[in-house]
Amino acid sequence: TLEPLPAAIERGSTTIDERKFLDSYDNDLTQDHKCICRFQ
């Protein structure tokens, strides 16, 4: 499930790897979450 991801993204990164992940995928994951919310 993708439901925990928005909360994790809002919390921000705590490690270098998390920062790299968010730098790469933050926009896509945010858009995906918006789409999921529309169809729930």
N, C-alpha and C. Protein backbone atom coordinates (compact mmCIF):
# COMPACT_ATOMS: atom_id res chain seq x y z
N THR A 1 0.82 -1.18 0.00
CA THR A 1 0.00 0.00 0.00
C THR A 1 0.88 1.25 0.00
N LEU A 2 0.38 2.29 -0.62
CA LEU A 2 1.13 3.54 -0.72
C LEU A 2 0.69 4.57 0.30
N GLU A 3 -0.28 4.24 1.14
CA GLU A 3 -0.84 5.22 2.06
C GLU A 3 0.18 5.84 3.03
N PRO A 4 1.17 5.12 3.55
CA PRO A 4 2.13 5.75 4.48
C PRO A 4 3.11 6.71 3.81
N LEU A 5 3.26 6.65 2.51
CA LEU A 5 4.26 7.48 1.84
C LEU A 5 4.04 8.99 1.97
N PRO A 6 2.83 9.51 1.83
CA PRO A 6 2.68 10.96 1.96
C PRO A 6 3.14 11.49 3.32
N ALA A 7 2.84 10.76 4.38
CA ALA A 7 3.27 11.19 5.71
C ALA A 7 4.79 11.18 5.81
N ALA A 8 5.41 10.17 5.23
CA ALA A 8 6.87 10.09 5.25
C ALA A 8 7.49 11.22 4.43
N ILE A 9 6.88 11.55 3.33
CA ILE A 9 7.39 12.64 2.49
C ILE A 9 7.27 13.97 3.22
N GLU A 10 6.14 14.18 3.89
CA GLU A 10 5.95 15.43 4.62
C GLU A 10 6.93 15.57 5.78
N ARG A 11 7.28 14.45 6.40
CA ARG A 11 8.26 14.46 7.50
C ARG A 11 9.62 14.89 7.01
N GLY A 12 9.90 14.59 5.77
CA GLY A 12 11.20 14.94 5.21
C GLY A 12 12.20 13.81 5.38
N SER A 13 13.41 14.08 4.95
CA SER A 13 14.44 13.05 4.98
C SER A 13 15.28 13.17 6.25
N THR A 14 15.79 12.01 6.69
CA THR A 14 16.68 11.99 7.84
C THR A 14 18.05 11.43 7.47
N THR A 15 18.14 10.84 6.30
CA THR A 15 19.43 10.30 5.85
C THR A 15 19.73 10.80 4.45
N ILE A 16 20.95 10.63 4.04
CA ILE A 16 21.34 11.03 2.69
C ILE A 16 20.57 10.23 1.65
N ASP A 17 20.40 8.93 1.90
CA ASP A 17 19.67 8.09 0.94
C ASP A 17 18.21 8.53 0.82
N GLU A 18 17.59 8.86 1.95
CA GLU A 18 16.22 9.35 1.89
C GLU A 18 16.14 10.67 1.12
N ARG A 19 17.12 11.55 1.31
CA ARG A 19 17.15 12.82 0.58
C ARG A 19 17.26 12.58 -0.92
N LYS A 20 18.11 11.64 -1.32
CA LYS A 20 18.27 11.31 -2.74
C LYS A 20 16.96 10.76 -3.31
N PHE A 21 16.31 9.89 -2.53
CA PHE A 21 15.05 9.31 -2.96
C PHE A 21 14.00 10.40 -3.16
N LEU A 22 13.88 11.29 -2.17
CA LEU A 22 12.90 12.37 -2.28
C LEU A 22 13.23 13.32 -3.41
N ASP A 23 14.51 13.60 -3.61
CA ASP A 23 14.90 14.47 -4.72
C ASP A 23 14.47 13.86 -6.05
N SER A 24 14.55 12.54 -6.15
CA SER A 24 14.23 11.87 -7.41
C SER A 24 12.73 11.64 -7.61
N TYR A 25 12.01 11.33 -6.52
CA TYR A 25 10.64 10.84 -6.68
C TYR A 25 9.56 11.65 -5.97
N ASP A 26 9.92 12.71 -5.28
CA ASP A 26 8.94 13.47 -4.51
C ASP A 26 7.77 13.94 -5.36
N ASN A 27 8.04 14.55 -6.48
CA ASN A 27 6.97 15.07 -7.33
C ASN A 27 6.06 13.95 -7.84
N ASP A 28 6.65 12.87 -8.31
CA ASP A 28 5.85 11.75 -8.82
C ASP A 28 4.97 11.15 -7.73
N LEU A 29 5.54 10.95 -6.54
CA LEU A 29 4.78 10.35 -5.45
C LEU A 29 3.66 11.27 -4.97
N THR A 30 3.92 12.56 -4.97
CA THR A 30 2.89 13.52 -4.57
C THR A 30 1.74 13.50 -5.57
N GLN A 31 2.05 13.48 -6.85
CA GLN A 31 1.01 13.41 -7.88
C GLN A 31 0.24 12.09 -7.80
N ASP A 32 0.95 10.99 -7.56
CA ASP A 32 0.29 9.69 -7.42
C ASP A 32 -0.69 9.70 -6.25
N HIS A 33 -0.26 10.29 -5.14
CA HIS A 33 -1.13 10.35 -3.96
C HIS A 33 -2.40 11.15 -4.26
N LYS A 34 -2.27 12.25 -4.98
CA LYS A 34 -3.44 13.05 -5.34
C LYS A 34 -4.41 12.24 -6.19
N CYS A 35 -3.88 11.46 -7.12
CA CYS A 35 -4.73 10.61 -7.97
C CYS A 35 -5.44 9.54 -7.15
N ILE A 36 -4.71 8.93 -6.23
CA ILE A 36 -5.30 7.89 -5.39
C ILE A 36 -6.43 8.47 -4.55
N CYS A 37 -6.21 9.65 -3.99
CA CYS A 37 -7.25 10.28 -3.16
C CYS A 37 -8.50 10.58 -3.96
N ARG A 38 -8.34 10.97 -5.21
CA ARG A 38 -9.50 11.26 -6.05
C ARG A 38 -10.35 10.03 -6.30
N PHE A 39 -9.74 8.85 -6.36
CA PHE A 39 -10.46 7.64 -6.72
C PHE A 39 -10.84 6.77 -5.53
N GLN A 40 -10.60 7.24 -4.33
CA GLN A 40 -11.00 6.44 -3.17
C GLN A 40 -12.44 6.68 -2.82
